[in-house]
Amino acid sequence: MIPRLFPASTIGRWWYGGEEIDIIGTDDHSATILFGECKWGALTRKESRTILASLQKKSSHVRHARYIEEKFLLAARTIEGKEALRKEGYLVLDLDDVLTIMDNIPS
């Protein structure tokens, strides 16, 4: 499902020392890199912002000079205030969004 949201040339995860990023995707065509965190629980606005701030901090440790645009993804069971986060430019997915995407995939 990530390729539908982000046309990734490569996708994987990253870790170094005690730091880990659940999803990293790169799009060579647009020189864009995606950093993503996945949580199973229900997130409040405050928790979501804390996770995104932590993700942005961790992303600064990833060497990605050839990718000039950064995007940040948060996925969780539910995310309070997801529309406000989307308006700020974050990619935000909860379980309802995933089910909607799956319902729209041609069989």
C-alpha atoms as a PDB file:
ATOM      1  CA  MET A   1       0.000   0.000   0.000  1.00  0.00           C
ATOM      2  CA  ILE A   2       2.888   2.393   0.538  1.00  0.00           C
ATOM      3  CA  PRO A   3       3.636   2.555  -3.226  1.00  0.00           C
ATOM      4  CA  ARG A   4       0.105   3.936  -3.784  1.00  0.00           C
ATOM      5  CA  LEU A   5       0.908   6.808  -1.412  1.00  0.00           C
ATOM      6  CA  PHE A   6       4.564   7.153  -2.258  1.00  0.00           C
ATOM      7  CA  PRO A   7       6.047   5.842  -5.527  1.00  0.00           C
ATOM      8  CA  ALA A   8       9.092   4.210  -3.945  1.00  0.00           C
ATOM      9  CA  SER A   9      12.131   3.063  -5.909  1.00  0.00           C
ATOM     10  CA  THR A  10      13.298   1.281  -2.754  1.00  0.00           C
ATOM     11  CA  ILE A  11      11.668   0.622   0.586  1.00  0.00           C
ATOM     12  CA  GLY A  12      13.012  -0.827   3.815  1.00  0.00           C
ATOM     13  CA  ARG A  13      13.881   0.070   7.387  1.00  0.00           C
ATOM     14  CA  TRP A  14      16.819   1.757   9.092  1.00  0.00           C
ATOM     15  CA  TRP A  15      18.597   1.342  12.390  1.00  0.00           C
ATOM     16  CA  TYR A  16      21.835   2.558  13.865  1.00  0.00           C
ATOM     17  CA  GLY A  17      22.854   2.073  17.462  1.00  0.00           C
ATOM     18  CA  GLY A  18      19.695   2.432  19.512  1.00  0.00           C
ATOM     19  CA  GLU A  19      17.806   4.376  16.842  1.00  0.00           C
ATOM     20  CA  GLU A  20      15.318   2.753  14.458  1.00  0.00           C
ATOM     21  CA  ILE A  21      12.997   3.993  11.729  1.00  0.00           C
ATOM     22  CA  ASP A  22      10.243   1.549  10.737  1.00  0.00           C
ATOM     23  CA  ILE A  23       9.967   2.564   7.078  1.00  0.00           C
ATOM     24  CA  ILE A  24      12.308   4.378   4.737  1.00  0.00           C
ATOM     25  CA  GLY A  25      11.378   4.723   1.099  1.00  0.00           C
ATOM     26  CA  THR A  26      13.184   6.552  -1.653  1.00  0.00           C
ATOM     27  CA  ASP A  27      11.895   7.816  -4.976  1.00  0.00           C
ATOM     28  CA  ASP A  28      14.836   8.352  -7.301  1.00  0.00           C
ATOM     29  CA  HIS A  29      12.671  10.069  -9.934  1.00  0.00           C
ATOM     30  CA  SER A  30      11.600  12.924  -7.644  1.00  0.00           C
ATOM     31  CA  ALA A  31      14.653  12.805  -5.320  1.00  0.00           C
ATOM     32  CA  THR A  32      12.309  12.297  -2.362  1.00  0.00           C
ATOM     33  CA  ILE A  33      12.826  10.227   0.779  1.00  0.00           C
ATOM     34  CA  LEU A  34      10.044   8.991   3.060  1.00  0.00           C
ATOM     35  CA  PHE A  35      10.521   8.312   6.771  1.00  0.00           C
ATOM     36  CA  GLY A  36       7.734   6.433   8.540  1.00  0.00           C
ATOM     37  CA  GLU A  37       6.738   5.169  11.959  1.00  0.00           C
ATOM     38  CA  CYS A  38       4.070   2.530  12.599  1.00  0.00           C
ATOM     39  CA  LYS A  39       2.232   2.131  15.905  1.00  0.00           C
ATOM     40  CA  TRP A  40      -0.520  -0.358  16.675  1.00  0.00           C
ATOM     41  CA  GLY A  41      -2.329   1.698  19.298  1.00  0.00           C
ATOM     42  CA  ALA A  42      -4.668   4.650  19.259  1.00  0.00           C
ATOM     43  CA  LEU A  43      -2.715   7.914  19.249  1.00  0.00           C
ATOM     44  CA  THR A  44      -3.725  11.239  20.748  1.00  0.00           C
ATOM     45  CA  ARG A  45      -2.759  14.516  19.075  1.00  0.00           C
ATOM     46  CA  LYS A  46       0.059  14.972  21.573  1.00  0.00           C
ATOM     47  CA  GLU A  47       1.416  11.440  21.075  1.00  0.00           C
ATOM     48  CA  SER A  48       1.302  11.851  17.295  1.00  0.00           C
ATOM     49  CA  ARG A  49       3.240  15.103  17.429  1.00  0.00           C
ATOM     50  CA  THR A  50       5.805  13.573  19.803  1.00  0.00           C
ATOM     51  CA  ILE A  51       6.315  10.595  17.471  1.00  0.00           C
ATOM     52  CA  LEU A  52       6.649  12.832  14.402  1.00  0.00           C
ATOM     53  CA  ALA A  53       9.144  15.112  16.177  1.00  0.00           C
ATOM     54  CA  SER A  54      11.183  12.063  17.187  1.00  0.00           C
ATOM     55  CA  LEU A  55      11.021  10.734  13.630  1.00  0.00           C
ATOM     56  CA  GLN A  56      12.288  14.036  12.238  1.00  0.00           C
ATOM     57  CA  LYS A  57      15.157  13.994  14.731  1.00  0.00           C
ATOM     58  CA  LYS A  58      16.081  10.397  13.859  1.00  0.00           C
ATOM     59  CA  SER A  59      15.895  11.174  10.133  1.00  0.00           C
ATOM     60  CA  SER A  60      18.721  13.688  10.543  1.00  0.00           C
ATOM     61  CA  HIS A  61      21.059  10.744  11.229  1.00  0.00           C
ATOM     62  CA  VAL A  62      20.282   9.078   7.879  1.00  0.00           C
ATOM     63  CA  ARG A  63      22.676   9.949   5.069  1.00  0.00           C
ATOM     64  CA  HIS A  64      20.480  10.993   2.177  1.00  0.00           C
ATOM     65  CA  ALA A  65      22.103  13.975   0.466  1.00  0.00           C
ATOM     66  CA  ARG A  66      20.850  12.961  -2.983  1.00  0.00           C
ATOM     67  CA  TYR A  67      17.226  13.124  -1.810  1.00  0.00           C
ATOM     68  CA  ILE A  68      16.301  16.776  -1.492  1.00  0.00           C
ATOM     69  CA  GLU A  69      12.677  16.420  -0.374  1.00  0.00           C
ATOM     70  CA  GLU A  70      11.718  14.700   2.877  1.00  0.00           C
ATOM     71  CA  LYS A  71       8.276  13.293   3.684  1.00  0.00           C
ATOM     72  CA  PHE A  72       7.132  11.898   7.008  1.00  0.00           C
ATOM     73  CA  LEU A  73       4.563   9.133   7.508  1.00  0.00           C
ATOM     74  CA  LEU A  74       2.718   8.126  10.662  1.00  0.00           C
ATOM     75  CA  ALA A  75       0.563   4.981  10.679  1.00  0.00           C
ATOM     76  CA  ALA A  76      -1.471   3.743  13.646  1.00  0.00           C
ATOM     77  CA  ARG A  77      -4.743   2.042  14.537  1.00  0.00           C
ATOM     78  CA  THR A  78      -6.377   5.441  15.093  1.00  0.00           C
ATOM     79  CA  ILE A  79      -4.898   8.932  15.022  1.00  0.00           C
ATOM     80  CA  GLU A  80      -6.680  11.814  16.696  1.00  0.00           C
ATOM     81  CA  GLY A  81      -6.384  15.006  14.647  1.00  0.00           C
ATOM     82  CA  LYS A  82      -5.112  13.253  11.517  1.00  0.00           C
ATOM     83  CA  GLU A  83      -6.645  15.854   9.184  1.00  0.00           C
ATOM     84  CA  ALA A  84      -4.731  18.680  10.886  1.00  0.00           C
ATOM     85  CA  LEU A  85      -1.487  16.716  10.515  1.00  0.00           C
ATOM     86  CA  ARG A  86      -2.238  16.133   6.828  1.00  0.00           C
ATOM     87  CA  LYS A  87      -2.758  19.869   6.342  1.00  0.00           C
ATOM     88  CA  GLU A  88       0.748  20.348   7.760  1.00  0.00           C
ATOM     89  CA  GLY A  89       2.125  18.053   5.053  1.00  0.00           C
ATOM     90  CA  TYR A  90       2.452  14.766   6.927  1.00  0.00           C
ATOM     91  CA  LEU A  91       1.294  11.472   5.430  1.00  0.00           C
ATOM     92  CA  VAL A  92      -1.042  10.017   8.052  1.00  0.00           C
ATOM     93  CA  LEU A  93      -2.773   6.634   7.879  1.00  0.00           C
ATOM     94  CA  ASP A  94      -5.006   4.877  10.325  1.00  0.00           C
ATOM     95  CA  LEU A  95      -6.824   1.563  10.042  1.00  0.00           C
ATOM     96  CA  ASP A  96      -9.900   3.199   8.461  1.00  0.00           C
ATOM     97  CA  ASP A  97      -7.682   4.704   5.741  1.00  0.00           C
ATOM     98  CA  VAL A  98      -6.066   1.324   5.044  1.00  0.00           C
ATOM     99  CA  LEU A  99      -9.478  -0.347   4.759  1.00  0.00           C
ATOM    100  CA  THR A 100     -10.666   2.386   2.376  1.00  0.00           C
ATOM    101  CA  ILE A 101      -7.574   1.919   0.207  1.00  0.00           C
ATOM    102  CA  MET A 102      -8.069  -1.853   0.173  1.00  0.00           C
ATOM    103  CA  ASP A 103     -11.757  -1.494  -0.741  1.00  0.00           C
ATOM    104  CA  ASN A 104     -10.752   0.596  -3.763  1.00  0.00           C
ATOM    105  CA  ILE A 105      -8.212  -1.884  -5.140  1.00  0.00           C
ATOM    106  CA  PRO A 106      -9.675  -3.517  -8.251  1.00  0.00           C
ATOM    107  CA  SER A 107     -10.151  -7.265  -7.867  1.00  0.00           C
END
